[in-house]
Protein backbone atom coordinates (compact mmCIF):
# COMPACT_ATOMS: atom_id res chain seq x y z
CA MET A 1 9.63 -36.32 -11.11
CA VAL A 2 9.08 -32.49 -11.51
CA PRO A 3 7.82 -30.55 -8.46
CA HIS A 4 4.25 -29.17 -8.09
CA VAL A 5 4.71 -25.31 -8.95
CA GLY A 6 2.76 -24.79 -5.52
CA THR A 7 5.99 -26.66 -3.88
CA ARG A 8 8.29 -24.12 -5.21
CA ALA A 9 5.99 -21.58 -3.38
CA GLY A 10 6.05 -22.99 -0.52
CA SER A 11 9.28 -23.60 -0.29
CA ALA A 12 10.57 -19.84 -1.32
CA ALA A 13 8.06 -18.80 1.63
CA LEU A 14 9.92 -20.31 3.77
CA ILE A 15 13.10 -19.60 2.74
CA VAL A 16 12.13 -15.99 2.92
CA ALA A 17 10.51 -16.61 6.82
CA ARG A 18 13.95 -18.16 7.71
CA ILE A 19 16.30 -14.98 5.96
CA ILE A 20 13.58 -13.06 7.87
CA MET A 21 14.30 -14.64 11.09
CA ILE A 22 18.15 -14.65 10.56
CA VAL A 23 18.05 -10.78 9.80
CA ALA A 24 16.11 -10.30 13.04
CA GLY A 25 18.41 -12.69 14.95
CA ILE A 26 21.74 -10.20 13.47
CA VAL A 27 19.43 -7.07 14.78
CA ALA A 28 19.10 -8.35 18.03
CA LEU A 29 22.71 -9.45 18.31
CA ILE A 30 23.88 -6.12 17.33
CA ILE A 31 21.81 -4.27 19.72
CA ALA A 32 22.44 -6.66 22.79
CA LEU A 33 26.14 -5.96 22.00
CA GLY A 34 25.69 -2.43 21.86
CA ILE A 35 23.85 -3.09 25.58
CA LEU A 36 27.20 -4.87 26.31
CA VAL A 37 29.39 -2.02 25.03
CA VAL A 38 27.81 0.54 27.18
CA VAL A 39 27.04 -1.50 30.15
CA LEU A 40 30.31 -2.45 30.80
CA GLU A 41 32.22 0.76 29.88
CA ALA A 42 34.16 -0.55 27.12
CA ASN A 43 36.70 1.82 25.61
CA PRO A 44 34.44 4.47 22.82
CA GLN A 45 37.64 5.00 21.10
CA ASN A 46 38.01 1.23 19.82
CA SER A 47 36.87 1.07 16.60
CA ILE A 48 35.29 -1.92 16.75
CA VAL A 49 33.55 -0.77 19.88
CA SER A 50 32.65 2.71 18.18
CA ALA A 51 31.22 0.75 15.34
CA ILE A 52 29.03 -1.92 17.48
CA HIS A 53 27.67 1.62 19.41
CA ASP A 54 26.79 3.04 16.38
CA ALA A 55 25.53 0.44 14.36
CA ALA A 56 23.38 -0.31 17.58
CA ASP A 57 22.47 3.39 18.11
CA PHE A 58 20.57 3.35 14.51
CA LEU A 59 18.64 0.39 14.79
CA VAL A 60 17.21 1.51 18.18
CA GLY A 61 16.26 5.40 16.99
CA PRO A 62 12.69 5.01 17.45
CA PHE A 63 12.80 2.98 20.82
CA ASP A 64 15.97 5.30 22.16
CA GLY A 65 14.40 7.27 24.96
CA ILE A 66 10.86 6.10 25.54
CA PHE A 67 11.37 5.21 29.36
CA THR A 68 14.11 8.00 30.95
CA PRO A 69 15.43 6.82 34.66
CA SER A 70 18.26 8.97 36.00
CA ASN A 71 20.87 6.32 34.95
CA PRO A 72 21.98 6.22 31.67
CA LYS A 73 23.03 2.44 31.94
CA VAL A 74 19.64 1.65 32.35
CA ALA A 75 17.81 4.02 30.43
CA ILE A 76 19.49 2.17 27.17
CA THR A 77 19.55 -1.44 28.59
CA VAL A 78 15.80 -0.32 29.08
CA ASN A 79 14.93 0.91 25.68
CA TRP A 80 17.26 -1.07 23.82
CA GLY A 81 15.72 -4.23 25.05
CA ILE A 82 12.40 -2.87 24.15
CA ALA A 83 13.91 -2.53 20.36
CA ILE A 84 15.37 -6.09 20.68
CA VAL A 85 12.06 -7.49 21.88
CA VAL A 86 9.88 -5.38 19.08
CA TYR A 87 12.27 -6.46 15.92
CA LEU A 88 11.83 -9.96 17.05
CA VAL A 89 8.18 -10.43 17.99
CA VAL A 90 7.67 -8.55 14.59
CA ALA A 91 10.26 -10.54 12.67
CA ARG A 92 8.22 -13.45 14.13
CA ILE A 93 4.96 -12.59 13.04
CA VAL A 94 5.82 -11.48 10.00
CA SER A 95 7.74 -14.71 9.49
CA GLY A 96 4.94 -16.76 10.31
CA LEU A 97 2.40 -14.72 7.79
CA ILE A 98 4.86 -15.39 5.35
CA ARG A 99 4.85 -19.19 5.90
CA ARG A 100 1.30 -19.33 6.30
CA LEU A 101 0.80 -17.57 2.68
CA GLY A 102 3.11 -19.98 1.44
CA ALA A 103 1.89 -23.30 2.60
CA GLY A 104 -1.69 -21.32 1.44
CA SER A 105 -0.40 -20.66 -2.09
CA ALA A 106 0.77 -24.67 -2.20
CA ALA A 107 -1.99 -26.20 -1.26
CA THR A 108 -4.43 -23.67 -4.09
CA ARG A 109 -1.81 -24.93 -6.43
CA THR A 110 -1.97 -28.76 -5.49
CA ARG A 111 -5.88 -28.60 -5.82
CA ARG A 112 -5.86 -27.58 -9.27
């Protein structure tokens, strides 16, 4: 039995939506590790610590400095934490839209 074209479109949309959520999860994990590196005062001379911090710092660029408490650890925790939430919320919204578009596309094609 040959699958309907709409079924393939829905499956492709589901895959893309999952990829978006996986990438957002990885981004959130990198940022969370960056927060830990700063808060726990990991050795900045260590190449792994440096790589994690640099990657997290790059990913949170637009969110850095939103709030400026006097304690730098609190500033990073708050600002980078906001970045995590925004990345995950936006990914969830985009993922949901793609799933709905894929489901709508599949429903339209199967009705024809």
